[in-house]
Amino acid sequence: MTVASTEGRARMGDYETWYRITGDLGSPKLPLVVAHGGPGCTHDYVDSFKDLAADGRAVIHYDQIGNGKSTHLPDKGADFWTVDFFLAELDNLLDHVGIRDRYALLGQSWGGMLGAEHAVRRPAGLKALVIANSPASMELWVAGAGKLRAALPDEVRDALDRHEAAGTVEHPEYLTATRFFYDRHVCRVTPWPDEVARTFLAVESDPTVYHTMNGPNEFHVVGSLRHWSVVDRLDRITAPTLVFRGHHDEATAECVQPFIDRIAGVESEVFPASSHMPHVEEKEACLRRVSRFLAAQDAAGT
């Protein structure tokens, strides 16, 4: 079933956020905003969530500023690319499309970190929150990545260690070893689907945000987010929340556990055949789970 969509741009000062609405914002069901990961990725790899519009729910994707079809700012540094900046962008988008009073938010990876930061502020219009494949702190993320790296073949681990020590993270040998990790713990569908490949190509073409806030890859975190944590604020979240991850996820069980322990009434799920992208790796099961969670909140969110 094909559902009609419209695209637009939300002005934020001198910048623009590209967005797409799939479905009808006039539906009685909660509109769902999808925040992509990175920081510095694009909406492409989380595009499958648009299929949730097939049962009458409006789904809003957007490219965060600095990425994709939104304004690119390659000369900006770490003082510009902050959590607060992206929270302000999200608020601006909610106002622009007119759903600030009633919406659901799904954040994947960094998008889930952003979603948690949004939710701890207890916005009145947030009626449901989905945190997908996200860490509650970067310390936990790095510790989890270290355990996953330790289980890699010796030659892969050696290549990663040598090139990180030498600062030669653009070397082909390092990039090959990185892809080995990604095929285990980021997306286990090979070759990568087009929408996943498009996102990685987009990051490669403009890595400003990703390199500034995260680092050269998913497990060598040396950017401005390296000390980020929301753990001690999670008890402020009052919106109904679903947290999920994949069994092989780079977002390890330890990364996710604070959400489960500290958010009242949280629901959780682990997709057994997935890593970091259940919405790609186990698409039907993942979308069914999210749809079931959101449906339970629709009436409460009126």
Protein backbone atom coordinates (compact mmCIF):
# COMPACT_ATOMS: atom_id res chain seq x y z
CA MET A 1 0.00 0.00 0.00
CA THR A 2 1.39 3.39 -1.03
CA VAL A 3 0.59 6.28 1.29
CA ALA A 4 0.82 9.84 0.03
CA SER A 5 3.62 12.00 1.37
CA THR A 6 4.57 15.67 1.30
CA GLU A 7 7.93 17.35 1.80
CA GLY A 8 8.78 20.71 3.26
CA ARG A 9 11.38 22.83 4.98
CA ALA A 10 11.21 24.32 8.45
CA ARG A 11 13.12 27.57 8.80
CA MET A 12 15.24 27.92 11.96
CA GLY A 13 17.03 31.23 11.89
CA ASP A 14 19.42 31.10 8.96
CA TYR A 15 19.03 27.34 8.56
CA GLU A 16 16.46 24.92 7.18
CA THR A 17 15.35 21.48 8.29
CA TRP A 18 14.09 19.23 5.50
CA TYR A 19 11.16 17.01 6.51
CA ARG A 20 8.66 14.60 4.96
CA ILE A 21 5.19 13.75 6.23
CA THR A 22 3.83 10.35 5.19
CA GLY A 23 0.11 10.05 5.83
CA ASP A 24 -2.48 12.47 7.19
CA LEU A 25 -1.74 14.77 10.12
CA GLY A 26 -5.48 15.00 10.64
CA SER A 27 -5.65 11.34 11.67
CA PRO A 28 -6.87 10.65 15.22
CA LYS A 29 -3.77 8.51 15.73
CA LEU A 30 -0.68 10.04 17.30
CA PRO A 31 1.65 11.49 14.66
CA LEU A 32 5.10 9.92 14.93
CA VAL A 33 8.30 11.92 14.55
CA VAL A 34 11.36 9.82 13.66
CA ALA A 35 14.78 11.15 14.75
CA HIS A 36 17.72 9.53 12.97
CA GLY A 37 21.06 8.61 14.47
CA GLY A 38 24.66 9.63 14.07
CA PRO A 39 24.93 12.35 15.07
CA GLY A 40 25.41 13.14 11.42
CA CYS A 41 23.40 10.46 9.61
CA THR A 42 20.30 10.99 7.46
CA HIS A 43 16.70 9.81 7.49
CA ASP A 44 17.34 7.26 4.73
CA TYR A 45 18.33 4.26 6.86
CA VAL A 46 15.28 4.67 9.14
CA ASP A 47 12.97 5.18 6.16
CA SER A 48 11.13 1.89 6.81
CA PHE A 49 9.23 3.47 9.72
CA LYS A 50 7.15 5.30 7.11
CA ASP A 51 5.31 2.00 6.64
CA LEU A 52 3.60 2.67 9.99
CA ALA A 53 1.49 5.19 8.05
CA ALA A 54 -0.28 2.31 6.27
CA ASP A 55 -2.77 2.02 9.13
CA GLY A 56 -3.58 5.73 9.25
CA ARG A 57 -0.77 7.19 11.36
CA ALA A 58 1.16 10.23 10.09
CA VAL A 59 4.91 9.62 10.18
CA ILE A 60 7.35 12.54 10.02
CA HIS A 61 10.95 11.98 8.99
CA TYR A 62 13.52 14.76 8.96
CA ASP A 63 17.20 15.31 8.29
CA GLN A 64 18.83 17.08 11.18
CA ILE A 65 20.64 20.29 10.27
CA GLY A 66 24.13 19.55 8.98
CA ASN A 67 22.95 16.42 7.22
CA GLY A 68 21.09 15.08 4.20
CA LYS A 69 18.70 17.52 2.57
CA SER A 70 18.91 20.08 5.38
CA THR A 71 21.36 22.98 5.62
CA HIS A 72 25.00 21.88 5.70
CA LEU A 73 27.49 23.84 7.79
CA PRO A 74 30.93 22.29 7.26
CA ASP A 75 32.77 25.19 8.90
CA LYS A 76 31.03 24.89 12.27
CA GLY A 77 32.86 23.37 15.24
CA ALA A 78 32.06 21.62 18.49
CA ASP A 79 30.74 24.79 20.12
CA PHE A 80 27.95 24.85 17.53
CA TRP A 81 27.01 21.17 17.31
CA THR A 82 25.44 20.59 20.72
CA VAL A 83 22.59 18.57 22.20
CA ASP A 84 20.77 21.82 22.92
CA PHE A 85 21.00 22.86 19.26
CA PHE A 86 19.35 19.65 18.10
CA LEU A 87 16.71 19.86 20.83
CA ALA A 88 15.85 23.35 19.62
CA GLU A 89 15.62 22.05 16.06
CA LEU A 90 13.21 19.32 17.15
CA ASP A 91 11.03 21.85 18.99
CA ASN A 92 11.06 24.09 15.93
CA LEU A 93 9.95 21.22 13.70
CA LEU A 94 7.11 20.29 16.06
CA ASP A 95 5.88 23.88 15.96
CA HIS A 96 6.30 24.15 12.18
CA VAL A 97 4.16 21.10 11.40
CA GLY A 98 1.67 22.02 14.13
CA ILE A 99 1.87 18.95 16.39
CA ARG A 100 3.54 20.36 19.50
CA ASP A 101 0.44 19.58 21.60
CA ARG A 102 0.20 15.87 20.70
CA TYR A 103 2.82 13.59 19.19
CA ALA A 104 4.95 10.48 19.60
CA LEU A 105 8.71 10.46 19.14
CA LEU A 106 10.90 7.58 17.97
CA GLY A 107 14.64 8.09 18.16
CA GLN A 108 17.13 5.57 16.79
CA SER A 109 20.68 5.42 18.21
CA TRP A 110 21.75 9.07 18.64
CA GLY A 111 18.12 9.92 17.87
CA GLY A 112 17.12 7.95 20.98
CA MET A 113 19.67 9.86 23.03
CA LEU A 114 18.09 13.05 21.70
CA GLY A 115 14.65 11.63 22.43
CA ALA A 116 15.60 10.93 26.04
CA GLU A 117 16.98 14.46 26.42
CA HIS A 118 13.70 15.77 25.00
CA ALA A 119 11.59 13.59 27.28
CA VAL A 120 13.36 14.46 30.54
CA ARG A 121 12.09 18.02 29.99
CA ARG A 122 8.54 16.63 30.20
CA PRO A 123 7.03 18.39 27.19
CA ALA A 124 3.26 18.35 27.59
CA GLY A 125 2.62 17.18 24.03
CA LEU A 126 4.86 14.09 24.17
CA LYS A 127 2.42 11.19 24.51
CA ALA A 128 4.72 8.28 23.65
CA LEU A 129 8.47 7.73 23.35
CA VAL A 130 10.39 4.96 21.56
CA ILE A 131 14.12 4.65 22.28
CA ALA A 132 15.63 2.36 19.65
CA ASN A 133 19.18 0.96 19.88
CA SER A 134 20.42 3.81 22.05
CA PRO A 135 22.83 4.09 24.98
CA ALA A 136 21.98 5.88 28.19
CA SER A 137 25.57 7.12 28.38
CA MET A 138 28.60 7.17 26.13
CA GLU A 139 30.69 5.61 28.88
CA LEU A 140 28.44 2.56 28.71
CA TRP A 141 28.55 2.64 24.91
CA VAL A 142 32.34 2.67 24.81
CA ALA A 143 32.59 -0.08 27.43
CA GLY A 144 30.19 -2.21 25.40
CA ALA A 145 32.13 -1.56 22.21
CA GLY A 146 35.28 -2.66 23.98
CA LYS A 147 33.72 -6.02 24.81
CA LEU A 148 32.52 -6.48 21.25
CA ARG A 149 35.97 -5.58 19.91
CA ALA A 150 37.57 -8.11 22.21
CA ALA A 151 35.53 -10.82 20.52
CA LEU A 152 36.67 -9.90 17.01
CA PRO A 153 39.24 -12.05 15.19
CA ASP A 154 42.81 -11.26 16.22
CA GLU A 155 43.80 -9.75 12.88
CA VAL A 156 40.78 -7.43 12.84
CA ARG A 157 41.35 -6.27 16.40
CA ASP A 158 45.06 -5.75 15.71
CA ALA A 159 44.32 -3.56 12.68
CA LEU A 160 41.95 -1.41 14.68
CA ASP A 161 44.38 -1.00 17.58
CA ARG A 162 47.41 -0.21 15.41
CA HIS A 163 45.77 2.41 13.27
CA GLU A 164 44.00 4.13 16.15
CA ALA A 165 47.32 4.35 18.00
CA ALA A 166 49.01 5.76 14.89
CA GLY A 167 46.15 8.11 14.04
CA THR A 168 45.77 6.51 10.60
CA VAL A 169 42.05 5.84 10.79
CA GLU A 170 41.60 6.59 7.06
CA HIS A 171 43.92 3.72 6.08
CA PRO A 172 42.19 1.07 3.92
CA GLU A 173 43.16 -1.68 6.36
CA TYR A 174 41.46 0.20 9.19
CA LEU A 175 38.36 0.84 7.11
CA THR A 176 38.14 -2.84 6.21
CA ALA A 177 38.38 -3.82 9.87
CA THR A 178 35.73 -1.23 10.73
CA ARG A 179 33.37 -2.71 8.15
CA PHE A 180 33.90 -6.16 9.71
CA PHE A 181 32.64 -4.74 13.02
CA TYR A 182 29.72 -3.02 11.28
CA ASP A 183 28.62 -6.20 9.53
CA ARG A 184 28.43 -7.91 12.92
CA HIS A 185 27.00 -5.17 15.11
CA VAL A 186 25.48 -2.39 12.97
CA CYS A 187 23.62 -4.09 10.12
CA ARG A 188 23.76 -7.84 9.55
CA VAL A 189 21.95 -7.70 6.20
CA THR A 190 24.60 -8.03 3.48
CA PRO A 191 24.96 -6.42 1.12
CA TRP A 192 23.56 -3.41 2.90
CA PRO A 193 20.14 -2.32 1.62
CA ASP A 194 20.15 0.80 -0.52
CA GLU A 195 18.70 3.02 2.21
CA VAL A 196 21.47 2.01 4.63
CA ALA A 197 24.18 2.48 2.01
CA ARG A 198 22.78 5.93 1.15
CA THR A 199 23.13 7.09 4.73
CA PHE A 200 26.74 5.92 5.01
CA LEU A 201 27.59 7.58 1.70
CA ALA A 202 26.01 10.80 2.94
CA VAL A 203 28.10 10.73 6.11
CA GLU A 204 31.21 10.09 4.04
CA SER A 205 30.43 13.05 1.78
CA ASP A 206 30.01 15.44 4.74
CA PRO A 207 31.27 13.98 8.05
CA THR A 208 31.24 17.33 9.88
CA VAL A 209 28.65 16.49 12.52
CA TYR A 210 29.61 12.84 12.93
CA HIS A 211 33.33 13.46 13.32
CA THR A 212 32.79 16.45 15.62
CA MET A 213 30.32 14.89 18.03
CA ASN A 214 31.20 11.19 17.79
CA GLY A 215 34.49 10.41 16.07
CA PRO A 216 35.70 8.46 13.02
CA ASN A 217 33.41 5.47 13.59
CA GLU A 218 30.91 3.79 15.92
CA PHE A 219 33.43 2.45 18.43
CA HIS A 220 36.29 4.99 18.46
CA VAL A 221 34.42 7.76 20.27
CA VAL A 222 36.64 10.83 20.63
CA GLY A 223 34.14 13.60 19.82
CA SER A 224 32.29 16.12 21.95
CA LEU A 225 29.67 13.56 23.06
CA ARG A 226 32.22 11.24 24.65
CA HIS A 227 31.21 12.22 28.20
CA TRP A 228 27.46 12.47 27.56
CA SER A 229 25.01 10.78 29.94
CA VAL A 230 21.31 10.97 30.72
CA VAL A 231 21.36 8.20 33.35
CA ASP A 232 20.84 10.39 36.41
CA ARG A 233 17.89 12.21 34.79
CA LEU A 234 15.89 9.29 33.44
CA ASP A 235 13.47 9.24 36.37
CA ARG A 236 12.10 12.54 35.06
CA ILE A 237 10.60 10.82 32.01
CA THR A 238 6.85 10.45 32.42
CA ALA A 239 5.80 9.64 28.84
CA PRO A 240 4.97 5.97 28.13
CA THR A 241 8.22 4.52 26.77
CA LEU A 242 9.29 1.54 24.68
CA VAL A 243 12.99 0.65 24.59
CA PHE A 244 14.40 -1.92 22.18
CA ARG A 245 17.67 -3.25 20.82
CA GLY A 246 19.00 -6.15 18.77
CA HIS A 247 20.65 -9.19 20.32
CA HIS A 248 23.87 -8.48 18.39
CA ASP A 249 23.58 -4.70 18.81
CA GLU A 250 26.50 -2.37 19.34
CA ALA A 251 24.09 -0.81 21.83
CA THR A 252 24.74 -3.61 24.32
CA ALA A 253 22.40 -4.73 27.08
CA GLU A 254 24.42 -2.69 29.59
CA CYS A 255 23.93 0.45 27.45
CA VAL A 256 20.18 0.08 27.50
CA GLN A 257 19.63 -1.16 31.06
CA PRO A 258 19.45 2.28 32.73
CA PHE A 259 16.41 3.11 30.59
CA ILE A 260 14.73 -0.07 31.79
CA ASP A 261 15.70 0.45 35.41
CA ARG A 262 14.93 4.15 35.74
CA ILE A 263 11.92 4.96 33.51
CA ALA A 264 8.66 4.12 35.27
CA GLY A 265 6.48 1.60 33.46
CA VAL A 266 8.87 1.17 30.54
CA GLU A 267 8.36 -1.62 28.01
CA SER A 268 11.37 -3.34 26.46
CA GLU A 269 12.14 -5.70 23.62
CA VAL A 270 15.17 -7.52 22.20
CA PHE A 271 15.07 -8.64 18.55
CA PRO A 272 16.98 -11.92 18.40
CA ALA A 273 18.28 -11.81 14.82
CA SER A 274 19.20 -8.13 14.72
CA SER A 275 22.09 -5.88 15.55
CA HIS A 276 21.74 -2.07 15.46
CA MET A 277 18.93 -1.88 12.88
CA PRO A 278 15.98 -4.16 13.72
CA HIS A 279 13.84 -1.91 11.51
CA VAL A 280 15.95 -3.25 8.60
CA GLU A 281 17.10 -6.65 9.87
CA GLU A 282 13.75 -7.81 11.28
CA LYS A 283 11.56 -5.17 9.70
CA GLU A 284 8.14 -6.78 10.03
CA ALA A 285 8.61 -7.81 13.65
CA CYS A 286 10.07 -4.44 14.60
CA LEU A 287 7.31 -2.42 12.96
CA ARG A 288 4.61 -4.64 14.49
CA ARG A 289 6.08 -4.07 17.96
CA VAL A 290 6.27 -0.31 17.52
CA SER A 291 2.78 -0.19 16.03
CA ARG A 292 1.33 -2.17 18.94
CA PHE A 293 2.99 0.16 21.46
CA LEU A 294 1.78 3.32 19.72
CA ALA A 295 -1.75 1.97 19.29
CA ALA A 296 -1.98 1.52 23.05
CA GLN A 297 -1.12 5.20 23.50
CA ASP A 298 -3.43 6.64 20.82
CA ALA A 299 -6.51 6.90 23.01
CA ALA A 300 -4.56 8.13 26.02
CA GLY A 301 -2.92 10.74 23.82
CA THR A 302 -6.14 12.45 22.77
